Amino acid sequence: MKIKKGDNVIVTTGKEKGKTGVVLKTLPAREQVVIEGLNVITKHQKNKRSRSQGQIIEKSAPIHVSNVALLDGKKPVRIGYVFEGEGKDRKKVRVATQSGKKI
């Protein structure tokens, strides 16, 4: 998955289209990401003890990674990989495919 935790992304499709946020969590097995403040759902939680009250909790639900794009400045970019260095010093670096800038 090319989107990582802490990346600033924009939603490209769906009900949250055009909104931006920071990735809180990635779920690589399901190819989904959780974005702060987006795709908020309400969960009704029962009371845990006999005398306490239940409550309604709002939390961010996952969005499929194909529906988000990384933001480079103010515009969305696609991400590719480039290898830098040689031998044991070789590192895999993320780059914007259109401009070639390192991310």
C-alpha atoms as a PDB file:
ATOM      1  CA  MET A   1       0.000   0.000   0.000  1.00  0.00           C
ATOM      2  CA  LYS A   2       1.425   3.376  -1.005  1.00  0.00           C
ATOM      3  CA  ILE A   3      -0.502   5.482   1.534  1.00  0.00           C
ATOM      4  CA  LYS A   4       1.088   5.532   4.999  1.00  0.00           C
ATOM      5  CA  LYS A   5       0.041   6.640   8.480  1.00  0.00           C
ATOM      6  CA  GLY A   6       0.432  10.403   8.908  1.00  0.00           C
ATOM      7  CA  ASP A   7       0.002  11.222   5.192  1.00  0.00           C
ATOM      8  CA  ASN A   8      -2.214  14.144   4.213  1.00  0.00           C
ATOM      9  CA  VAL A   9      -4.809  12.824   1.732  1.00  0.00           C
ATOM     10  CA  ILE A  10      -7.878  13.939  -0.217  1.00  0.00           C
ATOM     11  CA  VAL A  11     -10.963  11.789  -0.832  1.00  0.00           C
ATOM     12  CA  THR A  12     -11.580  11.438  -4.587  1.00  0.00           C
ATOM     13  CA  THR A  13     -14.949   9.607  -4.641  1.00  0.00           C
ATOM     14  CA  GLY A  14     -17.970   8.935  -2.440  1.00  0.00           C
ATOM     15  CA  LYS A  15     -19.990  11.056  -0.027  1.00  0.00           C
ATOM     16  CA  GLU A  16     -16.836  12.666   1.443  1.00  0.00           C
ATOM     17  CA  LYS A  17     -15.454  13.685  -1.992  1.00  0.00           C
ATOM     18  CA  GLY A  18     -13.134  16.703  -1.918  1.00  0.00           C
ATOM     19  CA  LYS A  19     -12.499  16.611   1.834  1.00  0.00           C
ATOM     20  CA  THR A  20      -8.974  16.303   3.201  1.00  0.00           C
ATOM     21  CA  GLY A  21      -7.516  14.786   6.345  1.00  0.00           C
ATOM     22  CA  VAL A  22      -4.621  12.954   7.945  1.00  0.00           C
ATOM     23  CA  VAL A  23      -4.404   9.148   7.864  1.00  0.00           C
ATOM     24  CA  LEU A  24      -4.765   7.796  11.413  1.00  0.00           C
ATOM     25  CA  LYS A  25      -4.499   4.097  10.648  1.00  0.00           C
ATOM     26  CA  THR A  26      -3.876   1.801   7.690  1.00  0.00           C
ATOM     27  CA  LEU A  27      -5.429  -1.631   7.246  1.00  0.00           C
ATOM     28  CA  PRO A  28      -3.239  -3.309   4.588  1.00  0.00           C
ATOM     29  CA  ALA A  29      -5.028  -6.682   4.693  1.00  0.00           C
ATOM     30  CA  ARG A  30      -8.329  -4.994   3.741  1.00  0.00           C
ATOM     31  CA  GLU A  31      -6.659  -2.217   1.657  1.00  0.00           C
ATOM     32  CA  GLN A  32      -8.377   0.500   3.696  1.00  0.00           C
ATOM     33  CA  VAL A  33      -7.358   3.640   5.593  1.00  0.00           C
ATOM     34  CA  VAL A  34      -8.951   5.528   8.486  1.00  0.00           C
ATOM     35  CA  ILE A  35      -8.877   9.316   8.003  1.00  0.00           C
ATOM     36  CA  GLU A  36      -9.275  11.743  10.888  1.00  0.00           C
ATOM     37  CA  GLY A  37     -12.746  13.338  10.955  1.00  0.00           C
ATOM     38  CA  LEU A  38     -14.003  11.728   7.730  1.00  0.00           C
ATOM     39  CA  ASN A  39     -16.558   8.965   7.108  1.00  0.00           C
ATOM     40  CA  VAL A  40     -17.868   9.390  10.652  1.00  0.00           C
ATOM     41  CA  ILE A  41     -20.360   6.780  11.868  1.00  0.00           C
ATOM     42  CA  THR A  42     -22.382   6.637  15.068  1.00  0.00           C
ATOM     43  CA  LYS A  43     -22.222   3.523  17.205  1.00  0.00           C
ATOM     44  CA  HIS A  44     -24.856   2.867  19.855  1.00  0.00           C
ATOM     45  CA  GLN A  45     -23.161   1.263  22.836  1.00  0.00           C
ATOM     46  CA  LYS A  46     -25.071  -0.608  25.526  1.00  0.00           C
ATOM     47  CA  ASN A  47     -24.460   0.043  29.175  1.00  0.00           C
ATOM     48  CA  LYS A  48     -21.641  -2.056  30.615  1.00  0.00           C
ATOM     49  CA  ARG A  49     -22.979  -2.222  34.176  1.00  0.00           C
ATOM     50  CA  SER A  50     -26.505  -2.440  35.440  1.00  0.00           C
ATOM     51  CA  ARG A  51     -26.679   1.162  36.746  1.00  0.00           C
ATOM     52  CA  SER A  52     -24.717   2.979  34.033  1.00  0.00           C
ATOM     53  CA  GLN A  53     -26.173   4.520  30.875  1.00  0.00           C
ATOM     54  CA  GLY A  54     -25.557   3.506  27.295  1.00  0.00           C
ATOM     55  CA  GLN A  55     -24.075   6.062  24.931  1.00  0.00           C
ATOM     56  CA  ILE A  56     -23.721   7.051  21.296  1.00  0.00           C
ATOM     57  CA  ILE A  57     -20.101   7.097  20.086  1.00  0.00           C
ATOM     58  CA  GLU A  58     -18.933   8.784  16.886  1.00  0.00           C
ATOM     59  CA  LYS A  59     -15.898   7.281  15.174  1.00  0.00           C
ATOM     60  CA  SER A  60     -14.183   7.391  11.786  1.00  0.00           C
ATOM     61  CA  ALA A  61     -14.830   4.353   9.607  1.00  0.00           C
ATOM     62  CA  PRO A  62     -12.321   3.002   7.060  1.00  0.00           C
ATOM     63  CA  ILE A  63     -12.292   4.114   3.412  1.00  0.00           C
ATOM     64  CA  HIS A  64     -10.865   2.003   0.597  1.00  0.00           C
ATOM     65  CA  VAL A  65      -7.388   3.175  -0.424  1.00  0.00           C
ATOM     66  CA  SER A  66      -8.419   3.497  -4.089  1.00  0.00           C
ATOM     67  CA  ASN A  67     -10.805   6.312  -3.103  1.00  0.00           C
ATOM     68  CA  VAL A  68      -8.080   8.558  -1.654  1.00  0.00           C
ATOM     69  CA  ALA A  69      -5.068  10.323  -3.152  1.00  0.00           C
ATOM     70  CA  LEU A  70      -1.990  11.783  -1.498  1.00  0.00           C
ATOM     71  CA  LEU A  71      -1.824  15.572  -1.380  1.00  0.00           C
ATOM     72  CA  ASP A  72       1.343  17.259  -2.630  1.00  0.00           C
ATOM     73  CA  GLY A  73       0.790  20.874  -1.672  1.00  0.00           C
ATOM     74  CA  LYS A  74      -2.786  21.511  -2.788  1.00  0.00           C
ATOM     75  CA  LYS A  75      -3.255  18.953  -5.549  1.00  0.00           C
ATOM     76  CA  PRO A  76      -3.626  15.153  -5.503  1.00  0.00           C
ATOM     77  CA  VAL A  77      -0.768  13.063  -6.903  1.00  0.00           C
ATOM     78  CA  ARG A  78      -0.161   9.434  -7.757  1.00  0.00           C
ATOM     79  CA  ILE A  79       2.688   7.694  -5.972  1.00  0.00           C
ATOM     80  CA  GLY A  80       5.492   5.559  -7.357  1.00  0.00           C
ATOM     81  CA  TYR A  81       8.714   4.082  -6.009  1.00  0.00           C
ATOM     82  CA  VAL A  82      12.343   4.738  -6.938  1.00  0.00           C
ATOM     83  CA  PHE A  83      15.417   2.984  -5.596  1.00  0.00           C
ATOM     84  CA  GLU A  84      18.271   5.234  -4.447  1.00  0.00           C
ATOM     85  CA  GLY A  85      21.828   4.215  -3.692  1.00  0.00           C
ATOM     86  CA  GLU A  86      23.623   0.992  -4.460  1.00  0.00           C
ATOM     87  CA  GLY A  87      24.478  -2.202  -2.658  1.00  0.00           C
ATOM     88  CA  LYS A  88      23.574  -2.277   1.033  1.00  0.00           C
ATOM     89  CA  ASP A  89      22.764   1.449   1.029  1.00  0.00           C
ATOM     90  CA  ARG A  90      19.953   0.974  -1.492  1.00  0.00           C
ATOM     91  CA  LYS A  91      16.652   2.466  -0.276  1.00  0.00           C
ATOM     92  CA  LYS A  92      13.129   2.455  -1.660  1.00  0.00           C
ATOM     93  CA  VAL A  93      11.739   6.007  -1.779  1.00  0.00           C
ATOM     94  CA  ARG A  94       8.204   7.208  -2.562  1.00  0.00           C
ATOM     95  CA  VAL A  95       7.958   9.813  -5.336  1.00  0.00           C
ATOM     96  CA  ALA A  96       5.159  11.744  -7.044  1.00  0.00           C
ATOM     97  CA  THR A  97       4.852  10.183 -10.495  1.00  0.00           C
ATOM     98  CA  GLN A  98       3.987  13.404 -12.356  1.00  0.00           C
ATOM     99  CA  SER A  99       6.710  15.675 -10.933  1.00  0.00           C
ATOM    100  CA  GLY A 100       9.261  13.139  -9.659  1.00  0.00           C
ATOM    101  CA  LYS A 101       9.515  14.913  -6.272  1.00  0.00           C
ATOM    102  CA  LYS A 102      10.350  12.827  -3.188  1.00  0.00           C
ATOM    103  CA  ILE A 103       7.597  12.397  -0.641  1.00  0.00           C
END
